[in-house]
Amino acid sequence: AGVWGRLHEEILHRLNDAGLLDLSRAVLDSAHLRAKKGGELTGPSPVDRGKPGSKMHVLSDANGLPLLVGLSAANTHDSLALKPMVEGHQTRHDPHRSRYFKPQRLHADKAYDVPHLRKWLWGKHIGVRIARKGVESSERLGRRRWVIERTMSWLTGYRRLNHRYERHPRNYLAFLGLAAALCCYKRLARLTT
């Protein structure tokens, strides 16, 4: 993690110290964005007539605070991002405070409904609440997953993140990490002052 990643992690620790981080549930989702200039981690977007694009992946807590952000090519399946996002979240820890964030339950949409991922999450002792393809409607899980849609709205509210103008993914991830840190900081400042 770069400077913005470390800043985001420090703000998350302060939120946790203030009791404002709710890890009883974590919510995972992704959003497509256009990559105007192409570059690494871009691919033909299935929702934008094959134009170059990327996917922004966000893992949030039960209140919608972004815990971890990621980036992949637009033509990769969402389920391929589940393991890196959860593992990346579990490895974030402060050696001085000797604790790490582990959600008790993970909520996600039908794109993440893959049997081996369910087993993998159960092996990590994380409860699974992923909509099942052909069985459950999307409305039933919506009362828990709406927070991630709000989080995505917060992040894409920063104009720089609506489209990916950077050819190198690390530059876009730096802006994304900064936006996530700002979202968390705004919540911390509003609820502690």
N, C-alpha and C. Protein backbone atom coordinates (compact mmCIF):
# COMPACT_ATOMS: atom_id res chain seq x y z
N ALA A 1 0.84 -1.18 0.00
CA ALA A 1 0.00 0.00 0.00
C ALA A 1 0.88 1.24 0.00
N GLY A 2 0.48 2.20 -0.79
CA GLY A 2 1.22 3.44 -0.86
C GLY A 2 0.80 4.38 0.27
N VAL A 3 1.09 5.63 0.08
CA VAL A 3 0.80 6.64 1.10
C VAL A 3 -0.70 6.70 1.38
N TRP A 4 -1.52 6.72 0.32
CA TRP A 4 -2.97 6.84 0.53
C TRP A 4 -3.54 5.57 1.16
N GLY A 5 -2.96 4.43 0.83
CA GLY A 5 -3.40 3.18 1.45
C GLY A 5 -3.10 3.16 2.94
N ARG A 6 -1.92 3.64 3.31
CA ARG A 6 -1.56 3.71 4.74
C ARG A 6 -2.43 4.72 5.47
N LEU A 7 -2.72 5.85 4.81
CA LEU A 7 -3.61 6.84 5.41
C LEU A 7 -5.00 6.25 5.63
N HIS A 8 -5.50 5.55 4.63
CA HIS A 8 -6.82 4.91 4.73
C HIS A 8 -6.83 3.90 5.88
N GLU A 9 -5.78 3.11 5.99
CA GLU A 9 -5.70 2.12 7.06
C GLU A 9 -5.66 2.78 8.44
N GLU A 10 -4.93 3.89 8.57
CA GLU A 10 -4.87 4.59 9.85
C GLU A 10 -6.24 5.15 10.23
N ILE A 11 -6.95 5.69 9.24
CA ILE A 11 -8.30 6.21 9.52
C ILE A 11 -9.23 5.08 9.93
N LEU A 12 -9.08 3.91 9.28
CA LEU A 12 -9.89 2.75 9.67
C LEU A 12 -9.60 2.33 11.11
N HIS A 13 -8.34 2.38 11.51
CA HIS A 13 -8.00 2.05 12.91
C HIS A 13 -8.63 3.06 13.87
N ARG A 14 -8.62 4.32 13.52
CA ARG A 14 -9.25 5.33 14.38
C ARG A 14 -10.75 5.14 14.45
N LEU A 15 -11.37 4.79 13.32
CA LEU A 15 -12.80 4.48 13.33
C LEU A 15 -13.09 3.29 14.22
N ASN A 16 -12.23 2.29 14.17
CA ASN A 16 -12.40 1.10 15.00
C ASN A 16 -12.23 1.44 16.47
N ASP A 17 -11.25 2.29 16.80
CA ASP A 17 -11.04 2.71 18.18
C ASP A 17 -12.25 3.48 18.73
N ALA A 18 -12.90 4.24 17.85
CA ALA A 18 -14.08 5.01 18.26
C ALA A 18 -15.35 4.16 18.25
N GLY A 19 -15.24 2.90 17.84
CA GLY A 19 -16.40 2.01 17.81
C GLY A 19 -17.34 2.29 16.65
N LEU A 20 -16.83 2.89 15.58
CA LEU A 20 -17.67 3.26 14.44
C LEU A 20 -17.54 2.30 13.26
N LEU A 21 -16.71 1.28 13.40
CA LEU A 21 -16.53 0.30 12.33
C LEU A 21 -17.34 -0.94 12.70
N ASP A 22 -18.26 -1.34 11.84
CA ASP A 22 -19.13 -2.48 12.10
C ASP A 22 -18.73 -3.63 11.18
N LEU A 23 -17.97 -4.59 11.72
CA LEU A 23 -17.52 -5.72 10.93
C LEU A 23 -18.38 -6.96 11.13
N SER A 24 -19.60 -6.77 11.63
CA SER A 24 -20.50 -7.91 11.70
C SER A 24 -20.84 -8.38 10.29
N ARG A 25 -20.83 -7.46 9.34
CA ARG A 25 -21.08 -7.79 7.94
C ARG A 25 -20.11 -6.98 7.08
N ALA A 26 -19.70 -7.61 5.99
CA ALA A 26 -18.94 -6.89 4.96
C ALA A 26 -19.72 -7.08 3.67
N VAL A 27 -19.67 -6.08 2.81
CA VAL A 27 -20.42 -6.12 1.56
C VAL A 27 -19.44 -5.88 0.42
N LEU A 28 -19.54 -6.70 -0.63
CA LEU A 28 -18.63 -6.63 -1.75
C LEU A 28 -19.41 -6.39 -3.04
N ASP A 29 -18.90 -5.49 -3.87
CA ASP A 29 -19.53 -5.25 -5.17
C ASP A 29 -18.50 -4.61 -6.10
N SER A 30 -18.87 -4.52 -7.37
CA SER A 30 -17.98 -3.90 -8.35
C SER A 30 -18.78 -2.99 -9.27
N ALA A 31 -18.08 -2.10 -9.94
CA ALA A 31 -18.72 -1.19 -10.89
C ALA A 31 -17.81 -1.02 -12.10
N HIS A 32 -18.42 -0.93 -13.27
CA HIS A 32 -17.67 -0.71 -14.51
C HIS A 32 -17.34 0.76 -14.67
N LEU A 33 -16.18 1.02 -15.27
CA LEU A 33 -15.83 2.39 -15.61
C LEU A 33 -15.03 2.37 -16.90
N ARG A 34 -15.17 3.41 -17.67
CA ARG A 34 -14.47 3.51 -18.93
C ARG A 34 -13.01 3.85 -18.71
N ALA A 35 -12.16 3.24 -19.51
CA ALA A 35 -10.73 3.55 -19.50
C ALA A 35 -10.43 4.22 -20.83
N LYS A 36 -10.47 5.52 -20.84
CA LYS A 36 -10.36 6.30 -22.08
C LYS A 36 -9.09 6.01 -22.87
N LYS A 37 -7.97 5.84 -22.15
CA LYS A 37 -6.69 5.69 -22.84
C LYS A 37 -6.15 4.26 -22.83
N GLY A 38 -6.93 3.31 -22.32
CA GLY A 38 -6.47 1.92 -22.26
C GLY A 38 -5.42 1.75 -21.18
N GLY A 39 -4.48 0.85 -21.41
CA GLY A 39 -3.42 0.60 -20.45
C GLY A 39 -3.60 -0.74 -19.77
N GLU A 40 -2.82 -0.97 -18.72
CA GLU A 40 -2.89 -2.21 -17.96
C GLU A 40 -4.23 -2.30 -17.22
N LEU A 41 -4.65 -3.51 -16.96
CA LEU A 41 -5.91 -3.80 -16.26
C LEU A 41 -7.12 -3.18 -16.96
N THR A 42 -7.08 -3.20 -18.28
CA THR A 42 -8.26 -2.80 -19.04
C THR A 42 -8.61 -3.95 -19.97
N GLY A 43 -9.85 -3.98 -20.38
CA GLY A 43 -10.30 -4.99 -21.31
C GLY A 43 -11.58 -4.53 -21.97
N PRO A 44 -12.05 -5.26 -22.97
CA PRO A 44 -13.31 -4.87 -23.61
C PRO A 44 -14.46 -4.95 -22.62
N SER A 45 -15.17 -3.88 -22.46
CA SER A 45 -16.25 -3.82 -21.48
C SER A 45 -17.51 -4.46 -22.04
N PRO A 46 -18.08 -5.43 -21.34
CA PRO A 46 -19.30 -6.07 -21.83
C PRO A 46 -20.54 -5.17 -21.71
N VAL A 47 -20.43 -4.07 -20.98
CA VAL A 47 -21.58 -3.18 -20.83
C VAL A 47 -21.42 -1.88 -21.61
N ASP A 48 -20.30 -1.73 -22.32
CA ASP A 48 -20.05 -0.49 -23.06
C ASP A 48 -19.60 -0.80 -24.49
N ARG A 49 -20.26 -1.72 -25.15
CA ARG A 49 -20.02 -2.07 -26.54
C ARG A 49 -18.56 -2.41 -26.84
N GLY A 50 -17.90 -3.06 -25.93
CA GLY A 50 -16.54 -3.52 -26.16
C GLY A 50 -15.46 -2.47 -26.08
N LYS A 51 -15.80 -1.27 -25.63
CA LYS A 51 -14.78 -0.22 -25.47
C LYS A 51 -13.91 -0.56 -24.27
N PRO A 52 -12.69 -0.05 -24.23
CA PRO A 52 -11.81 -0.36 -23.10
C PRO A 52 -12.40 0.10 -21.77
N GLY A 53 -12.28 -0.76 -20.78
CA GLY A 53 -12.81 -0.41 -19.47
C GLY A 53 -12.15 -1.19 -18.36
N SER A 54 -12.47 -0.82 -17.14
CA SER A 54 -11.97 -1.49 -15.94
C SER A 54 -13.13 -1.68 -14.98
N LYS A 55 -12.89 -2.46 -13.95
CA LYS A 55 -13.87 -2.64 -12.88
C LYS A 55 -13.26 -2.18 -11.58
N MET A 56 -14.04 -1.41 -10.85
CA MET A 56 -13.64 -0.97 -9.52
C MET A 56 -14.33 -1.90 -8.53
N HIS A 57 -13.55 -2.54 -7.65
CA HIS A 57 -14.08 -3.45 -6.64
C HIS A 57 -13.98 -2.77 -5.28
N VAL A 58 -15.06 -2.85 -4.50
CA VAL A 58 -15.08 -2.21 -3.19
C VAL A 58 -15.62 -3.19 -2.16
N LEU A 59 -14.92 -3.29 -1.04
CA LEU A 59 -15.37 -4.06 0.11
C LEU A 59 -15.67 -3.06 1.21
N SER A 60 -16.90 -3.07 1.73
CA SER A 60 -17.27 -2.10 2.76
C SER A 60 -17.77 -2.81 4.00
N ASP A 61 -17.84 -2.08 5.10
CA ASP A 61 -18.41 -2.64 6.33
C ASP A 61 -19.93 -2.50 6.29
N ALA A 62 -20.59 -2.86 7.38
CA ALA A 62 -22.06 -2.84 7.41
C ALA A 62 -22.63 -1.43 7.30
N ASN A 63 -21.82 -0.41 7.62
CA ASN A 63 -22.27 0.97 7.52
C ASN A 63 -21.94 1.59 6.17
N GLY A 64 -21.24 0.87 5.31
CA GLY A 64 -20.90 1.39 4.00
C GLY A 64 -19.55 2.08 3.93
N LEU A 65 -18.75 1.99 4.97
CA LEU A 65 -17.41 2.60 4.93
C LEU A 65 -16.49 1.71 4.11
N PRO A 66 -15.80 2.25 3.12
CA PRO A 66 -14.93 1.41 2.28
C PRO A 66 -13.74 0.88 3.07
N LEU A 67 -13.62 -0.44 3.13
CA LEU A 67 -12.51 -1.07 3.83
C LEU A 67 -11.34 -1.34 2.89
N LEU A 68 -11.66 -1.69 1.65
CA LEU A 68 -10.63 -2.03 0.68
C LEU A 68 -11.15 -1.75 -0.72
N VAL A 69 -10.28 -1.27 -1.58
CA VAL A 69 -10.65 -1.00 -2.97
C VAL A 69 -9.68 -1.74 -3.88
N GLY A 70 -10.16 -2.11 -5.06
CA GLY A 70 -9.32 -2.82 -6.01
C GLY A 70 -9.72 -2.49 -7.43
N LEU A 71 -8.95 -2.99 -8.38
CA LEU A 71 -9.17 -2.70 -9.80
C LEU A 71 -8.86 -3.95 -10.61
N SER A 72 -9.67 -4.19 -11.64
CA SER A 72 -9.41 -5.30 -12.57
C SER A 72 -9.87 -4.88 -13.95
N ALA A 73 -9.58 -5.71 -14.93
CA ALA A 73 -10.03 -5.45 -16.30
C ALA A 73 -11.54 -5.63 -16.36
N ALA A 74 -12.18 -4.93 -17.27
CA ALA A 74 -13.65 -4.96 -17.37
C ALA A 74 -14.18 -6.32 -17.79
N ASN A 75 -13.38 -7.11 -18.50
CA ASN A 75 -13.87 -8.39 -18.97
C ASN A 75 -13.54 -9.56 -18.05
N THR A 76 -13.10 -9.29 -16.83
CA THR A 76 -12.90 -10.37 -15.86
C THR A 76 -14.18 -10.54 -15.04
N HIS A 77 -14.44 -11.77 -14.66
CA HIS A 77 -15.66 -12.05 -13.89
C HIS A 77 -15.49 -11.54 -12.46
N ASP A 78 -16.59 -11.06 -11.89
CA ASP A 78 -16.55 -10.52 -10.53
C ASP A 78 -16.04 -11.54 -9.52
N SER A 79 -16.39 -12.80 -9.71
CA SER A 79 -16.02 -13.82 -8.73
C SER A 79 -14.51 -13.96 -8.58
N LEU A 80 -13.74 -13.60 -9.61
CA LEU A 80 -12.29 -13.70 -9.52
C LEU A 80 -11.70 -12.67 -8.56
N ALA A 81 -12.46 -11.65 -8.20
CA ALA A 81 -11.96 -10.61 -7.30
C ALA A 81 -12.28 -10.90 -5.84
N LEU A 82 -13.12 -11.89 -5.57
CA LEU A 82 -13.54 -12.13 -4.18
C LEU A 82 -12.36 -12.53 -3.29
N LYS A 83 -11.58 -13.50 -3.71
CA LYS A 83 -10.45 -13.95 -2.89
C LYS A 83 -9.43 -12.84 -2.63
N PRO A 84 -8.96 -12.13 -3.68
CA PRO A 84 -7.98 -11.06 -3.39
C PRO A 84 -8.54 -9.97 -2.48
N MET A 85 -9.82 -9.65 -2.62
CA MET A 85 -10.39 -8.59 -1.78
C MET A 85 -10.49 -9.05 -0.33
N VAL A 86 -10.95 -10.27 -0.10
CA VAL A 86 -11.08 -10.75 1.29
C VAL A 86 -9.70 -11.00 1.90
N GLU A 87 -8.79 -11.60 1.13
CA GLU A 87 -7.44 -11.83 1.66
C GLU A 87 -6.70 -10.52 1.90
N GLY A 88 -6.89 -9.56 1.00
CA GLY A 88 -6.26 -8.25 1.19
C GLY A 88 -6.79 -7.56 2.42
N HIS A 89 -8.08 -7.78 2.70
CA HIS A 89 -8.68 -7.18 3.88
C HIS A 89 -8.16 -7.84 5.14
N GLN A 90 -8.00 -9.16 5.12
CA GLN A 90 -7.57 -9.85 6.32
C GLN A 90 -6.09 -9.63 6.64
N THR A 91 -5.30 -9.29 5.63
CA THR A 91 -3.88 -9.07 5.90
C THR A 91 -3.60 -7.64 6.34
N ARG A 92 -4.58 -6.77 6.26
CA ARG A 92 -4.35 -5.38 6.70
C ARG A 92 -4.36 -5.37 8.22
N HIS A 93 -3.25 -5.10 8.81
CA HIS A 93 -3.21 -5.01 10.27
C HIS A 93 -2.05 -4.13 10.69
N ASP A 94 -2.16 -3.68 11.90
CA ASP A 94 -1.13 -2.83 12.47
C ASP A 94 -0.32 -3.69 13.46
N PRO A 95 0.96 -3.94 13.22
CA PRO A 95 1.73 -4.81 14.11
C PRO A 95 1.83 -4.27 15.53
N HIS A 96 1.69 -2.95 15.70
CA HIS A 96 1.78 -2.38 17.04
C HIS A 96 0.50 -2.63 17.83
N ARG A 97 -0.61 -2.78 17.16
CA ARG A 97 -1.89 -2.97 17.85
C ARG A 97 -2.32 -4.44 17.84
N SER A 98 -1.61 -5.27 17.10
CA SER A 98 -1.81 -6.72 17.01
C SER A 98 -3.28 -7.11 16.85
N ARG A 99 -3.93 -6.59 15.86
CA ARG A 99 -5.29 -6.99 15.53
C ARG A 99 -5.50 -6.81 14.04
N TYR A 100 -6.43 -7.52 13.51
CA TYR A 100 -6.77 -7.31 12.11
C TYR A 100 -8.27 -7.39 11.95
N PHE A 101 -8.75 -6.84 10.86
CA PHE A 101 -10.17 -6.77 10.59
C PHE A 101 -10.62 -8.07 9.92
N LYS A 102 -11.61 -8.72 10.49
CA LYS A 102 -12.17 -9.91 9.85
C LYS A 102 -13.68 -9.83 9.94
N PRO A 103 -14.36 -9.75 8.80
CA PRO A 103 -15.82 -9.69 8.85
C PRO A 103 -16.40 -11.02 9.30
N GLN A 104 -17.54 -10.96 9.98
CA GLN A 104 -18.21 -12.19 10.40
C GLN A 104 -19.03 -12.79 9.27
N ARG A 105 -19.54 -11.94 8.39
CA ARG A 105 -20.39 -12.40 7.30
C ARG A 105 -20.14 -11.53 6.08
N LEU A 106 -20.18 -12.16 4.90
CA LEU A 106 -19.97 -11.44 3.65
C LEU A 106 -21.25 -11.48 2.82
N HIS A 107 -21.71 -10.30 2.40
CA HIS A 107 -22.88 -10.17 1.52
C HIS A 107 -22.38 -9.79 0.13
N ALA A 108 -22.95 -10.41 -0.88
CA ALA A 108 -22.58 -10.09 -2.26
C ALA A 108 -23.73 -10.45 -3.19
N ASP A 109 -23.65 -10.00 -4.44
CA ASP A 109 -24.72 -10.30 -5.39
C ASP A 109 -24.45 -11.62 -6.11
N LYS A 110 -25.29 -11.93 -7.08
CA LYS A 110 -25.24 -13.24 -7.74
C LYS A 110 -23.97 -13.46 -8.55
N ALA A 111 -23.27 -12.42 -8.90
CA ALA A 111 -22.04 -12.59 -9.67
C ALA A 111 -20.98 -13.36 -8.88
N TYR A 112 -21.08 -13.37 -7.56
CA TYR A 112 -20.11 -14.05 -6.71
C TYR A 112 -20.58 -15.43 -6.29
N ASP A 113 -21.69 -15.92 -6.86
CA ASP A 113 -22.25 -17.21 -6.48
C ASP A 113 -21.53 -18.34 -7.20
N VAL A 114 -20.41 -18.77 -6.61
CA VAL A 114 -19.62 -19.88 -7.14
C VAL A 114 -19.38 -20.84 -5.97
N PRO A 115 -19.69 -22.13 -6.14
CA PRO A 115 -19.59 -23.07 -5.01
C PRO A 115 -18.22 -23.10 -4.33
N HIS A 116 -17.13 -23.09 -5.10
CA HIS A 116 -15.83 -23.18 -4.45
C HIS A 116 -15.50 -21.92 -3.64
N LEU A 117 -16.08 -20.77 -4.01
CA LEU A 117 -15.87 -19.56 -3.21
C LEU A 117 -16.63 -19.62 -1.90
N ARG A 118 -17.83 -20.20 -1.93
CA ARG A 118 -18.58 -20.40 -0.69
C ARG A 118 -17.79 -21.28 0.28
N LYS A 119 -17.25 -22.38 -0.24
CA LYS A 119 -16.46 -23.29 0.60
C LYS A 119 -15.22 -22.59 1.14
N TRP A 120 -14.58 -21.80 0.28
CA TRP A 120 -13.39 -21.09 0.70
C TRP A 120 -13.71 -20.12 1.84
N LEU A 121 -14.82 -19.40 1.74
CA LEU A 121 -15.22 -18.46 2.79
C LEU A 121 -15.57 -19.21 4.08
N TRP A 122 -16.27 -20.33 3.95
CA TRP A 122 -16.58 -21.12 5.16
C TRP A 122 -15.29 -21.60 5.82
N GLY A 123 -14.28 -21.96 5.00
CA GLY A 123 -12.99 -22.37 5.56
C GLY A 123 -12.29 -21.25 6.31
N LYS A 124 -12.56 -20.02 5.92
CA LYS A 124 -12.00 -18.85 6.61
C LYS A 124 -12.86 -18.43 7.80
N HIS A 125 -13.93 -19.17 8.08
CA HIS A 125 -14.87 -18.88 9.16
C HIS A 125 -15.58 -17.55 8.96
N ILE A 126 -15.94 -17.30 7.70
CA ILE A 126 -16.71 -16.11 7.34
C ILE A 126 -18.06 -16.61 6.84
N GLY A 127 -19.12 -16.13 7.45
CA GLY A 127 -20.46 -16.50 7.01
C GLY A 127 -20.73 -16.00 5.60
N VAL A 128 -21.49 -16.76 4.84
CA VAL A 128 -21.74 -16.44 3.44
C VAL A 128 -23.19 -16.06 3.25
N ARG A 129 -23.41 -14.90 2.68
CA ARG A 129 -24.78 -14.47 2.32
C ARG A 129 -24.71 -13.91 0.91
N ILE A 130 -24.56 -14.82 -0.03
CA ILE A 130 -24.48 -14.47 -1.44
C ILE A 130 -25.77 -14.93 -2.11
N ALA A 131 -26.37 -14.05 -2.89
CA ALA A 131 -27.60 -14.42 -3.61
C ALA A 131 -27.31 -15.60 -4.52
N ARG A 132 -28.20 -16.58 -4.51
CA ARG A 132 -28.00 -17.76 -5.34
C ARG A 132 -28.69 -17.58 -6.69
N LYS A 133 -27.99 -17.98 -7.73
CA LYS A 133 -28.51 -17.84 -9.09
C LYS A 133 -29.74 -18.73 -9.26
N GLY A 134 -30.82 -18.16 -9.76
CA GLY A 134 -32.02 -18.93 -10.05
C GLY A 134 -32.85 -19.31 -8.85
N VAL A 135 -32.43 -18.95 -7.64
CA VAL A 135 -33.15 -19.34 -6.43
C VAL A 135 -33.72 -18.13 -5.71
N GLU A 136 -32.87 -17.15 -5.45
CA GLU A 136 -33.29 -15.99 -4.67
C GLU A 136 -33.40 -14.75 -5.55
N SER A 137 -34.35 -13.91 -5.19
CA SER A 137 -34.46 -12.65 -5.93
C SER A 137 -33.49 -11.64 -5.33
N SER A 138 -33.17 -10.65 -6.10
CA SER A 138 -32.22 -9.64 -5.65
C SER A 138 -32.82 -8.73 -4.58
N GLU A 139 -34.14 -8.61 -4.52
CA GLU A 139 -34.78 -7.71 -3.57
C GLU A 139 -34.58 -8.17 -2.12
N ARG A 140 -34.55 -9.47 -1.90
CA ARG A 140 -34.48 -9.99 -0.54
C ARG A 140 -33.17 -9.60 0.16
N LEU A 141 -32.09 -9.64 -0.58
CA LEU A 141 -30.80 -9.28 0.01
C LEU A 141 -30.53 -7.78 -0.02
N GLY A 142 -31.38 -7.03 -0.70
CA GLY A 142 -31.16 -5.61 -0.87
C GLY A 142 -31.14 -4.82 0.42
N ARG A 143 -31.80 -5.31 1.46
CA ARG A 143 -31.82 -4.55 2.71
C ARG A 143 -30.46 -4.54 3.39
N ARG A 144 -29.56 -5.43 3.00
CA ARG A 144 -28.20 -5.42 3.55
C ARG A 144 -27.19 -4.85 2.56
N ARG A 145 -27.45 -5.04 1.26
CA ARG A 145 -26.46 -4.67 0.25
C ARG A 145 -26.60 -3.23 -0.24
N TRP A 146 -27.62 -2.52 0.16
CA TRP A 146 -27.79 -1.15 -0.35
C TRP A 146 -26.63 -0.25 0.07
N VAL A 147 -25.97 -0.58 1.17
CA VAL A 147 -24.89 0.28 1.65
C VAL A 147 -23.72 0.33 0.66
N ILE A 148 -23.48 -0.77 -0.06
CA ILE A 148 -22.37 -0.76 -1.01
C ILE A 148 -22.70 0.12 -2.21
N GLU A 149 -23.97 0.19 -2.57
CA GLU A 149 -24.36 1.08 -3.67
C GLU A 149 -24.14 2.54 -3.27
N ARG A 150 -24.43 2.86 -2.02
CA ARG A 150 -24.18 4.22 -1.53
C ARG A 150 -22.67 4.50 -1.51
N THR A 151 -21.89 3.51 -1.10
CA THR A 151 -20.44 3.67 -1.08
C THR A 151 -19.89 3.92 -2.48
N MET A 152 -20.40 3.16 -3.44
CA MET A 152 -19.99 3.37 -4.84
C MET A 152 -20.35 4.78 -5.30
N SER A 153 -21.50 5.24 -4.86
CA SER A 153 -21.92 6.60 -5.21
C SER A 153 -20.98 7.63 -4.58
N TRP A 154 -20.58 7.41 -3.34
CA TRP A 154 -19.63 8.32 -2.70
C TRP A 154 -18.33 8.38 -3.50
N LEU A 155 -17.83 7.20 -3.88
CA LEU A 155 -16.54 7.15 -4.58
C LEU A 155 -16.63 7.75 -5.98
N THR A 156 -17.69 7.44 -6.71
CA THR A 156 -17.81 7.99 -8.07
C THR A 156 -18.27 9.44 -8.05
N GLY A 157 -18.62 9.95 -6.87
CA GLY A 157 -18.93 11.37 -6.74
C GLY A 157 -17.69 12.22 -6.95
N TYR A 158 -16.52 11.60 -6.78
CA TYR A 158 -15.27 12.29 -7.11
C TYR A 158 -15.08 12.17 -8.61
N ARG A 159 -15.13 13.27 -9.30
CA ARG A 159 -15.17 13.28 -10.76
C ARG A 159 -14.01 12.52 -11.39
N ARG A 160 -12.89 12.54 -10.75
CA ARG A 160 -11.69 11.88 -11.29
C ARG A 160 -11.88 10.36 -11.39
N LEU A 161 -12.80 9.81 -10.59
CA LEU A 161 -12.97 8.37 -10.56
C LEU A 161 -14.07 7.86 -11.49
N ASN A 162 -14.84 8.76 -12.11
CA ASN A 162 -15.91 8.33 -13.01
C ASN A 162 -15.36 7.60 -14.23
N HIS A 163 -14.30 8.10 -14.80
CA HIS A 163 -13.62 7.48 -15.93
C HIS A 163 -12.17 7.29 -15.54
N ARG A 164 -11.56 6.29 -16.09
CA ARG A 164 -10.15 6.06 -15.82
C ARG A 164 -9.34 6.72 -16.92
N TYR A 165 -8.65 7.80 -16.59
CA TYR A 165 -7.83 8.53 -17.56
C TYR A 165 -6.37 8.07 -17.52
N GLU A 166 -5.98 7.37 -16.48
CA GLU A 166 -4.59 6.96 -16.28
C GLU A 166 -4.32 5.64 -16.99
N ARG A 167 -3.18 5.55 -17.65
CA ARG A 167 -2.81 4.30 -18.31
C ARG A 167 -2.27 3.28 -17.31
N HIS A 168 -1.63 3.76 -16.26
CA HIS A 168 -1.07 2.86 -15.25
C HIS A 168 -2.07 2.66 -14.12
N PRO A 169 -2.37 1.41 -13.78
CA PRO A 169 -3.39 1.16 -12.75
C PRO A 169 -3.01 1.69 -11.37
N ARG A 170 -1.72 1.75 -11.07
CA ARG A 170 -1.32 2.22 -9.74
C ARG A 170 -1.72 3.68 -9.53
N ASN A 171 -1.73 4.47 -10.60
CA ASN A 171 -2.15 5.87 -10.47
C ASN A 171 -3.64 5.96 -10.17
N TYR A 172 -4.44 5.17 -10.88
CA TYR A 172 -5.89 5.19 -10.61
C TYR A 172 -6.16 4.65 -9.20
N LEU A 173 -5.44 3.60 -8.81
CA LEU A 173 -5.64 3.05 -7.47
C LEU A 173 -5.25 4.06 -6.39
N ALA A 174 -4.28 4.91 -6.66
CA ALA A 174 -3.91 5.94 -5.70
C ALA A 174 -5.07 6.92 -5.51
N PHE A 175 -5.69 7.35 -6.61
CA PHE A 175 -6.86 8.23 -6.50
C PHE A 175 -8.01 7.53 -5.80
N LEU A 176 -8.20 6.26 -6.11
CA LEU A 176 -9.28 5.48 -5.48
C LEU A 176 -9.03 5.33 -3.98
N GLY A 177 -7.76 5.07 -3.60
CA GLY A 177 -7.41 4.96 -2.18
C GLY A 177 -7.59 6.28 -1.44
N LEU A 178 -7.25 7.38 -2.11
CA LEU A 178 -7.45 8.70 -1.51
C LEU A 178 -8.94 8.98 -1.30
N ALA A 179 -9.76 8.64 -2.29
CA ALA A 179 -11.21 8.85 -2.16
C ALA A 179 -11.78 8.00 -1.02
N ALA A 180 -11.32 6.75 -0.89
CA ALA A 180 -11.78 5.89 0.19
C ALA A 180 -11.37 6.46 1.55
N ALA A 181 -10.14 6.97 1.64
CA ALA A 181 -9.67 7.58 2.88
C ALA A 181 -10.50 8.82 3.22
N LEU A 182 -10.83 9.63 2.22
CA LEU A 182 -11.65 10.82 2.46
C LEU A 182 -13.06 10.46 2.92
N CYS A 183 -13.65 9.43 2.33
CA CYS A 183 -14.99 8.99 2.76
C CYS A 183 -14.97 8.57 4.23
N CYS A 184 -13.95 7.81 4.60
CA CYS A 184 -13.85 7.35 5.99
C CYS A 184 -13.56 8.52 6.93
N TYR A 185 -12.69 9.44 6.51
CA TYR A 185 -12.36 10.58 7.34
C TYR A 185 -13.58 11.48 7.58
N LYS A 186 -14.37 11.70 6.54
CA LYS A 186 -15.57 12.52 6.69
C LYS A 186 -16.51 11.92 7.72
N ARG A 187 -16.67 10.59 7.70
CA ARG A 187 -17.52 9.92 8.68
C ARG A 187 -16.93 10.06 10.08
N LEU A 188 -15.63 9.88 10.20
CA LEU A 188 -14.96 10.00 11.50
C LEU A 188 -15.10 11.41 12.05
N ALA A 189 -14.88 12.41 11.23
CA ALA A 189 -14.96 13.81 11.68
C ALA A 189 -16.39 14.18 12.07
N ARG A 190 -17.37 13.70 11.30
CA ARG A 190 -18.76 14.05 11.59
C ARG A 190 -19.26 13.39 12.87
N LEU A 191 -18.83 12.17 13.14
CA LEU A 191 -19.38 11.44 14.29
C LEU A 191 -18.57 11.61 15.57
N THR A 192 -17.37 12.18 15.48
CA THR A 192 -16.57 12.34 16.69
C THR A 192 -16.44 13.79 17.13
N THR A 193 -16.94 14.73 16.36
CA THR A 193 -16.83 16.13 16.77
C THR A 193 -18.16 16.66 17.24
